């Protein structure tokens, strides 16, 4: 049943990301990925509000909203939450995680684009 909640939340999150990005592009027509930046910031704010510092029960809302909706709305929210969790235990590992994630994902995208040409 959890898979169903994740799938439904993911479906709605992906559509929401697309629609919000399109609205921003329409009303803020500049040559900068403002829509995705707003999506990432909003997703990070919402996952912070949703998860907070408390231990939440892994009920249907956790799977639907936390993993499904926010996970597909922006993976940046999951990345940010994991970074905060790491900061709470080991700052060096947290910084390494952030640097490696940003560097390697951008590098992987660059390689993928050039490989596909």
C-alpha atoms as a PDB file:
ATOM      1  CA  UNK A   1       0.000   0.000   0.000  1.00  0.00           C
ATOM      2  CA  UNK A   2       2.918   2.356   0.703  1.00  0.00           C
ATOM      3  CA  UNK A   3       4.045   2.015  -2.904  1.00  0.00           C
ATOM      4  CA  UNK A   4       0.618   3.224  -4.034  1.00  0.00           C
ATOM      5  CA  UNK A   5       0.843   6.291  -1.781  1.00  0.00           C
ATOM      6  CA  UNK A   6       4.355   7.062  -3.062  1.00  0.00           C
ATOM      7  CA  UNK A   7       3.256   6.652  -6.683  1.00  0.00           C
ATOM      8  CA  UNK A   8       0.203   8.875  -6.310  1.00  0.00           C
ATOM      9  CA  UNK A   9       2.208  11.538  -4.472  1.00  0.00           C
ATOM     10  CA  UNK A  10       4.974  11.306  -7.059  1.00  0.00           C
ATOM     11  CA  UNK A  11       2.482  11.721  -9.890  1.00  0.00           C
ATOM     12  CA  UNK A  12       1.042  14.867  -8.313  1.00  0.00           C
ATOM     13  CA  UNK A  13       4.453  16.245  -7.316  1.00  0.00           C
ATOM     14  CA  UNK A  14       5.889  15.929 -10.810  1.00  0.00           C
ATOM     15  CA  UNK A  15       2.863  17.628 -12.343  1.00  0.00           C
ATOM     16  CA  UNK A  16       3.044  20.395  -9.734  1.00  0.00           C
ATOM     17  CA  UNK A  17       6.734  20.988 -10.475  1.00  0.00           C
ATOM     18  CA  UNK A  18       6.013  21.259 -14.188  1.00  0.00           C
ATOM     19  CA  UNK A  19       3.045  23.605 -13.763  1.00  0.00           C
ATOM     20  CA  UNK A  20       4.782  25.902 -11.278  1.00  0.00           C
ATOM     21  CA  UNK A  21       7.835  26.110 -13.521  1.00  0.00           C
ATOM     22  CA  UNK A  22       5.651  26.964 -16.533  1.00  0.00           C
ATOM     23  CA  UNK A  23       3.813  29.702 -14.611  1.00  0.00           C
ATOM     24  CA  UNK A  24       7.094  31.267 -13.509  1.00  0.00           C
ATOM     25  CA  UNK A  25       8.494  31.135 -17.058  1.00  0.00           C
ATOM     26  CA  UNK A  26       5.346  32.830 -18.350  1.00  0.00           C
ATOM     27  CA  UNK A  27       5.383  35.663 -15.819  1.00  0.00           C
ATOM     28  CA  UNK A  28       9.144  36.058 -15.297  1.00  0.00           C
ATOM     29  CA  UNK A  29      10.558  35.636 -18.810  1.00  0.00           C
ATOM     30  CA  UNK A  30      14.286  35.959 -18.116  1.00  0.00           C
ATOM     31  CA  UNK A  31      17.180  33.800 -19.224  1.00  0.00           C
ATOM     32  CA  UNK A  32      17.646  32.143 -15.836  1.00  0.00           C
ATOM     33  CA  UNK A  33      16.093  28.939 -14.413  1.00  0.00           C
ATOM     34  CA  UNK A  34      13.962  30.914 -11.957  1.00  0.00           C
ATOM     35  CA  UNK A  35      11.127  28.386 -12.017  1.00  0.00           C
ATOM     36  CA  UNK A  36      13.299  25.463 -10.950  1.00  0.00           C
ATOM     37  CA  UNK A  37      15.067  27.638  -8.378  1.00  0.00           C
ATOM     38  CA  UNK A  38      11.690  28.534  -6.860  1.00  0.00           C
ATOM     39  CA  UNK A  39      10.609  24.882  -6.964  1.00  0.00           C
ATOM     40  CA  UNK A  40      13.782  23.807  -5.158  1.00  0.00           C
ATOM     41  CA  UNK A  41      13.522  26.523  -2.513  1.00  0.00           C
ATOM     42  CA  UNK A  42       9.816  25.860  -1.952  1.00  0.00           C
ATOM     43  CA  UNK A  43      10.351  22.098  -1.802  1.00  0.00           C
ATOM     44  CA  UNK A  44      13.136  22.508   0.743  1.00  0.00           C
ATOM     45  CA  UNK A  45      11.012  24.829   2.872  1.00  0.00           C
ATOM     46  CA  UNK A  46       8.068  22.440   2.784  1.00  0.00           C
ATOM     47  CA  UNK A  47      10.112  19.331   3.613  1.00  0.00           C
ATOM     48  CA  UNK A  48      11.641  21.251   6.506  1.00  0.00           C
ATOM     49  CA  UNK A  49       8.178  22.199   7.750  1.00  0.00           C
ATOM     50  CA  UNK A  50       6.869  18.681   7.181  1.00  0.00           C
ATOM     51  CA  UNK A  51       9.697  16.747   8.763  1.00  0.00           C
ATOM     52  CA  UNK A  52      11.072  19.335  11.160  1.00  0.00           C
ATOM     53  CA  UNK A  53      13.263  18.115  13.970  1.00  0.00           C
ATOM     54  CA  UNK A  54      10.708  15.672  15.298  1.00  0.00           C
ATOM     55  CA  UNK A  55      10.487  12.005  14.533  1.00  0.00           C
ATOM     56  CA  UNK A  56       7.392  11.510  12.427  1.00  0.00           C
ATOM     57  CA  UNK A  57       5.541   8.282  12.099  1.00  0.00           C
ATOM     58  CA  UNK A  58       5.838   6.574   8.772  1.00  0.00           C
ATOM     59  CA  UNK A  59       2.129   6.666   8.046  1.00  0.00           C
ATOM     60  CA  UNK A  60       0.392   7.186   4.712  1.00  0.00           C
ATOM     61  CA  UNK A  61       1.117  10.954   4.770  1.00  0.00           C
ATOM     62  CA  UNK A  62       4.844  10.297   5.127  1.00  0.00           C
ATOM     63  CA  UNK A  63       4.822   8.060   2.055  1.00  0.00           C
ATOM     64  CA  UNK A  64       2.365  10.150   0.027  1.00  0.00           C
ATOM     65  CA  UNK A  65       3.648  13.624   0.813  1.00  0.00           C
ATOM     66  CA  UNK A  66       7.189  13.264   2.183  1.00  0.00           C
ATOM     67  CA  UNK A  67       8.513  10.655  -0.212  1.00  0.00           C
ATOM     68  CA  UNK A  68       6.087  10.753  -3.142  1.00  0.00           C
ATOM     69  CA  UNK A  69       4.987  14.349  -3.624  1.00  0.00           C
ATOM     70  CA  UNK A  70       8.078  16.165  -2.361  1.00  0.00           C
ATOM     71  CA  UNK A  71      10.402  13.528  -3.768  1.00  0.00           C
ATOM     72  CA  UNK A  72       9.161  14.164  -7.274  1.00  0.00           C
ATOM     73  CA  UNK A  73       8.395  17.859  -6.804  1.00  0.00           C
ATOM     74  CA  UNK A  74      12.095  18.352  -6.115  1.00  0.00           C
ATOM     75  CA  UNK A  75      14.859  15.950  -5.257  1.00  0.00           C
ATOM     76  CA  UNK A  76      16.613  18.977  -3.806  1.00  0.00           C
ATOM     77  CA  UNK A  77      14.337  18.692  -0.782  1.00  0.00           C
ATOM     78  CA  UNK A  78      15.566  15.154  -0.059  1.00  0.00           C
ATOM     79  CA  UNK A  79      19.176  16.233  -0.619  1.00  0.00           C
ATOM     80  CA  UNK A  80      18.789  19.202   1.728  1.00  0.00           C
ATOM     81  CA  UNK A  81      17.136  17.145   4.444  1.00  0.00           C
ATOM     82  CA  UNK A  82      19.907  14.543   4.276  1.00  0.00           C
ATOM     83  CA  UNK A  83      22.536  17.298   4.475  1.00  0.00           C
ATOM     84  CA  UNK A  84      20.894  18.720   7.619  1.00  0.00           C
ATOM     85  CA  UNK A  85      20.786  15.258   9.171  1.00  0.00           C
ATOM     86  CA  UNK A  86      24.494  14.844   8.428  1.00  0.00           C
ATOM     87  CA  UNK A  87      25.282  18.295   9.875  1.00  0.00           C
ATOM     88  CA  UNK A  88      23.659  17.148  13.111  1.00  0.00           C
ATOM     89  CA  UNK A  89      26.097  14.254  13.386  1.00  0.00           C
ATOM     90  CA  UNK A  90      29.276  15.106  11.475  1.00  0.00           C
ATOM     91  CA  UNK A  91      30.016  18.453   9.822  1.00  0.00           C
ATOM     92  CA  UNK A  92      32.933  17.089   7.780  1.00  0.00           C
ATOM     93  CA  UNK A  93      30.822  14.311   6.279  1.00  0.00           C
ATOM     94  CA  UNK A  94      27.992  16.787   5.627  1.00  0.00           C
ATOM     95  CA  UNK A  95      30.300  19.167   3.758  1.00  0.00           C
ATOM     96  CA  UNK A  96      31.798  16.277   1.811  1.00  0.00           C
ATOM     97  CA  UNK A  97      28.321  15.054   0.884  1.00  0.00           C
ATOM     98  CA  UNK A  98      27.274  18.500  -0.338  1.00  0.00           C
ATOM     99  CA  UNK A  99      30.444  19.098  -2.354  1.00  0.00           C
ATOM    100  CA  UNK A 100      30.437  15.607  -3.856  1.00  0.00           C
ATOM    101  CA  UNK A 101      26.743  15.729  -4.708  1.00  0.00           C
ATOM    102  CA  UNK A 102      26.897  19.098  -6.435  1.00  0.00           C
ATOM    103  CA  UNK A 103      30.174  18.424  -8.221  1.00  0.00           C
ATOM    104  CA  UNK A 104      29.463  14.866  -9.340  1.00  0.00           C
ATOM    105  CA  UNK A 105      25.868  15.439 -10.408  1.00  0.00           C
ATOM    106  CA  UNK A 106      26.835  18.435 -12.532  1.00  0.00           C
ATOM    107  CA  UNK A 107      29.772  16.470 -13.955  1.00  0.00           C
ATOM    108  CA  UNK A 108      27.527  13.469 -14.666  1.00  0.00           C
ATOM    109  CA  UNK A 109      25.029  15.712 -16.457  1.00  0.00           C
ATOM    110  CA  UNK A 110      27.838  17.261 -18.521  1.00  0.00           C
ATOM    111  CA  UNK A 111      29.196  13.818 -19.431  1.00  0.00           C
ATOM    112  CA  UNK A 112      25.720  12.559 -20.291  1.00  0.00           C
ATOM    113  CA  UNK A 113      25.013  15.517 -22.559  1.00  0.00           C
ATOM    114  CA  UNK A 114      28.325  15.195 -24.365  1.00  0.00           C
ATOM    115  CA  UNK A 115      28.100  11.411 -24.605  1.00  0.00           C
ATOM    116  CA  UNK A 116      24.678  11.629 -26.230  1.00  0.00           C
ATOM    117  CA  UNK A 117      25.821  14.039 -28.983  1.00  0.00           C
END
